[in-house]
Amino acid sequence: MITISTTHGDIVVELFEESAPISCENFRRYAEDGFYDGTIFHRVIPNFMIQGGGMTADLARRTTREPISNEAANGEKNLRGTLAMARTSAIDSATSQFFINLKDNGFLDHGDRDYGYAVFGRVSEGMDTVDAIAALPTGTERGQQDVPVETVTIRSVRLDRD
């Protein structure tokens, strides 16, 4: 389990190690390195998703490692409460950014329309925190749309050892 501690509460995540080993290892490495500490949820779209893990409060992008292979064909679906790797239009472009689905977003799944977005985990506790973040008013800041007016900082991402 992994705990994403934010200024709005904690989000506990279960990783899908078997179906998304590359994405899980990538996420764990960023967490272990402290990369996510001080990043924000910089994109919030109600009834869709919240995205974070790559920008600081001043919307500066953090330098990431090389992109990983897209595991969207792993059979996992973009359902409410699942985590998926954010990417550009390039299929294998995911680095540190991730999003949490606020509803079932089947159009993001692997399929004919698009290669899809790799689901690699799900929220096991803290969907109330996710929903509270999703309810925040947003605006445009420094050319970025859907930025929460109130900054939502990721304080830490901790790997909980049993």
Protein backbone atom coordinates (compact mmCIF):
# COMPACT_ATOMS: atom_id res chain seq x y z
CA MET A 1 0.00 0.00 0.00
CA ILE A 2 1.05 3.55 -0.65
CA THR A 3 -0.17 6.67 1.16
CA ILE A 4 -0.37 9.92 -0.77
CA SER A 5 -0.48 12.60 1.92
CA THR A 6 -1.95 15.89 0.66
CA THR A 7 -2.93 19.21 2.17
CA HIS A 8 -6.53 17.98 1.90
CA GLY A 9 -6.07 14.54 3.49
CA ASP A 10 -4.59 11.14 2.78
CA ILE A 11 -5.23 8.84 -0.15
CA VAL A 12 -4.26 5.19 0.33
CA VAL A 13 -3.47 3.32 -2.87
CA GLU A 14 -3.18 -0.35 -3.74
CA LEU A 15 -0.87 -1.00 -6.71
CA PHE A 16 -1.63 -3.58 -9.43
CA GLU A 17 1.83 -5.17 -9.33
CA GLU A 18 0.96 -8.17 -11.50
CA SER A 19 -0.87 -6.42 -14.32
CA ALA A 20 1.18 -3.19 -14.40
CA PRO A 21 4.71 -4.02 -13.18
CA ILE A 22 6.48 -1.29 -15.18
CA SER A 23 4.10 1.48 -14.08
CA CYS A 24 4.14 0.29 -10.45
CA GLU A 25 7.94 0.16 -10.32
CA ASN A 26 8.10 3.61 -11.92
CA PHE A 27 5.64 5.08 -9.38
CA ARG A 28 7.44 3.42 -6.45
CA ARG A 29 10.84 4.75 -7.59
CA TYR A 30 9.53 8.32 -7.81
CA ALA A 31 7.96 7.88 -4.34
CA GLU A 32 11.12 6.40 -2.80
CA ASP A 33 13.20 9.24 -4.27
CA GLY A 34 10.89 11.83 -2.66
CA PHE A 35 10.13 13.21 -6.12
CA TYR A 36 6.42 13.73 -5.40
CA ASP A 37 7.00 15.67 -2.17
CA GLY A 38 5.96 19.26 -2.83
CA THR A 39 4.29 18.58 -6.17
CA ILE A 40 0.64 19.48 -6.65
CA PHE A 41 -2.58 18.26 -8.17
CA HIS A 42 -2.37 20.75 -11.02
CA ARG A 43 -5.31 19.62 -13.16
CA VAL A 44 -8.77 19.01 -11.72
CA ILE A 45 -11.76 18.32 -13.93
CA PRO A 46 -14.97 17.48 -12.03
CA ASN A 47 -16.72 14.27 -13.10
CA PHE A 48 -13.53 13.20 -14.93
CA MET A 49 -10.21 13.08 -13.03
CA ILE A 50 -7.61 14.82 -10.86
CA GLN A 51 -4.00 14.86 -12.11
CA GLY A 52 -0.74 15.48 -10.31
CA GLY A 53 2.79 14.36 -9.68
CA GLY A 54 4.90 16.54 -11.92
CA MET A 55 4.54 20.24 -11.14
CA THR A 56 5.34 22.50 -8.21
CA ALA A 57 3.00 25.15 -6.78
CA ASP A 58 4.34 27.73 -9.25
CA LEU A 59 3.48 25.29 -12.09
CA ALA A 60 7.13 24.56 -12.84
CA ARG A 61 7.69 21.08 -14.26
CA ARG A 62 10.04 18.84 -12.31
CA THR A 63 12.73 17.04 -14.27
CA THR A 64 11.79 13.38 -14.70
CA ARG A 65 13.44 10.15 -15.67
CA GLU A 66 12.98 8.69 -19.15
CA PRO A 67 9.43 7.73 -20.23
CA ILE A 68 8.19 4.19 -19.64
CA SER A 69 6.35 1.69 -21.84
CA ASN A 70 2.58 2.07 -21.85
CA GLU A 71 0.84 -0.89 -20.17
CA ALA A 72 -2.70 0.13 -21.19
CA ALA A 73 -3.22 -3.28 -22.84
CA ASN A 74 -2.99 -4.98 -19.42
CA GLY A 75 -6.77 -5.51 -19.13
CA GLU A 76 -7.25 -2.98 -16.29
CA LYS A 77 -10.01 -0.42 -16.83
CA ASN A 78 -10.18 3.30 -16.05
CA LEU A 79 -12.89 2.96 -13.41
CA ARG A 80 -13.79 5.34 -10.61
CA GLY A 81 -10.99 5.40 -8.05
CA THR A 82 -8.31 3.88 -10.27
CA LEU A 83 -4.91 5.49 -10.86
CA ALA A 84 -3.49 5.71 -14.36
CA MET A 85 -0.33 7.10 -15.88
CA ALA A 86 -0.72 10.49 -17.56
CA ARG A 87 0.97 10.85 -20.94
CA THR A 88 1.16 13.04 -24.00
CA SER A 89 -0.22 12.00 -27.39
CA ALA A 90 2.85 9.76 -27.75
CA ILE A 91 1.92 6.25 -26.58
CA ASP A 92 5.08 5.58 -24.53
CA SER A 93 5.50 9.04 -22.95
CA ALA A 94 4.44 8.55 -19.30
CA THR A 95 6.94 9.68 -16.67
CA SER A 96 5.89 10.82 -13.18
CA GLN A 97 2.41 12.27 -13.64
CA PHE A 98 -0.65 10.22 -12.77
CA PHE A 99 -4.37 10.78 -12.47
CA ILE A 100 -7.19 9.40 -10.37
CA ASN A 101 -10.44 8.69 -12.21
CA LEU A 102 -13.50 10.33 -10.66
CA LYS A 103 -15.90 8.17 -12.67
CA ASP A 104 -15.73 5.24 -15.05
CA ASN A 105 -13.83 6.61 -18.07
CA GLY A 106 -14.01 3.76 -20.57
CA PHE A 107 -12.89 5.99 -23.43
CA LEU A 108 -9.43 6.07 -21.77
CA ASP A 109 -9.08 2.29 -21.92
CA HIS A 110 -6.95 0.44 -24.46
CA GLY A 111 -8.96 0.02 -27.65
CA ASP A 112 -9.60 0.96 -31.24
CA ARG A 113 -9.95 4.71 -30.59
CA ASP A 114 -6.62 5.09 -28.83
CA TYR A 115 -3.89 2.98 -27.27
CA GLY A 116 -5.20 4.12 -23.88
CA TYR A 117 -3.90 5.10 -20.46
CA ALA A 118 -2.26 2.48 -18.24
CA VAL A 119 -4.17 1.78 -15.04
CA PHE A 120 -1.76 0.71 -12.31
CA GLY A 121 -3.63 0.98 -9.01
CA ARG A 122 -6.76 1.98 -7.14
CA VAL A 123 -7.71 4.06 -4.14
CA SER A 124 -8.49 1.75 -1.22
CA GLU A 125 -9.08 4.56 1.31
CA GLY A 126 -9.53 8.29 0.86
CA MET A 127 -11.97 8.70 -2.03
CA ASP A 128 -13.57 11.38 0.16
CA THR A 129 -10.27 13.28 -0.12
CA VAL A 130 -10.18 12.73 -3.89
CA ASP A 131 -13.78 13.97 -4.18
CA ALA A 132 -13.00 17.03 -2.01
CA ILE A 133 -10.10 17.92 -4.33
CA ALA A 134 -12.38 17.41 -7.35
CA ALA A 135 -14.91 19.86 -5.89
CA LEU A 136 -12.45 22.75 -5.66
CA PRO A 137 -12.98 25.72 -7.98
CA THR A 138 -10.47 25.90 -10.82
CA GLY A 139 -9.15 28.50 -13.23
CA THR A 140 -6.41 29.21 -15.73
CA GLU A 141 -2.95 30.00 -14.42
CA ARG A 142 0.28 30.46 -16.39
CA GLY A 143 -1.32 29.00 -19.48
CA GLN A 144 -2.57 25.90 -17.64
CA GLN A 145 -6.31 25.22 -17.53
CA ASP A 146 -8.27 23.49 -14.77
CA VAL A 147 -5.79 24.51 -12.04
CA PRO A 148 -7.33 24.49 -8.55
CA VAL A 149 -7.59 28.05 -7.21
CA GLU A 150 -6.56 26.64 -3.82
CA THR A 151 -3.24 24.79 -4.14
CA VAL A 152 -3.44 21.08 -3.37
CA THR A 153 0.06 19.99 -2.40
CA ILE A 154 1.29 16.42 -2.20
CA ARG A 155 3.21 16.47 1.07
CA SER A 156 4.62 12.97 0.65
CA VAL A 157 4.09 9.62 -1.01
CA ARG A 158 5.01 6.84 1.44
CA LEU A 159 5.37 3.14 0.83
CA ASP A 160 3.68 1.48 3.79
CA ARG A 161 5.67 -1.56 4.88
CA ASP A 162 3.78 -4.44 6.47
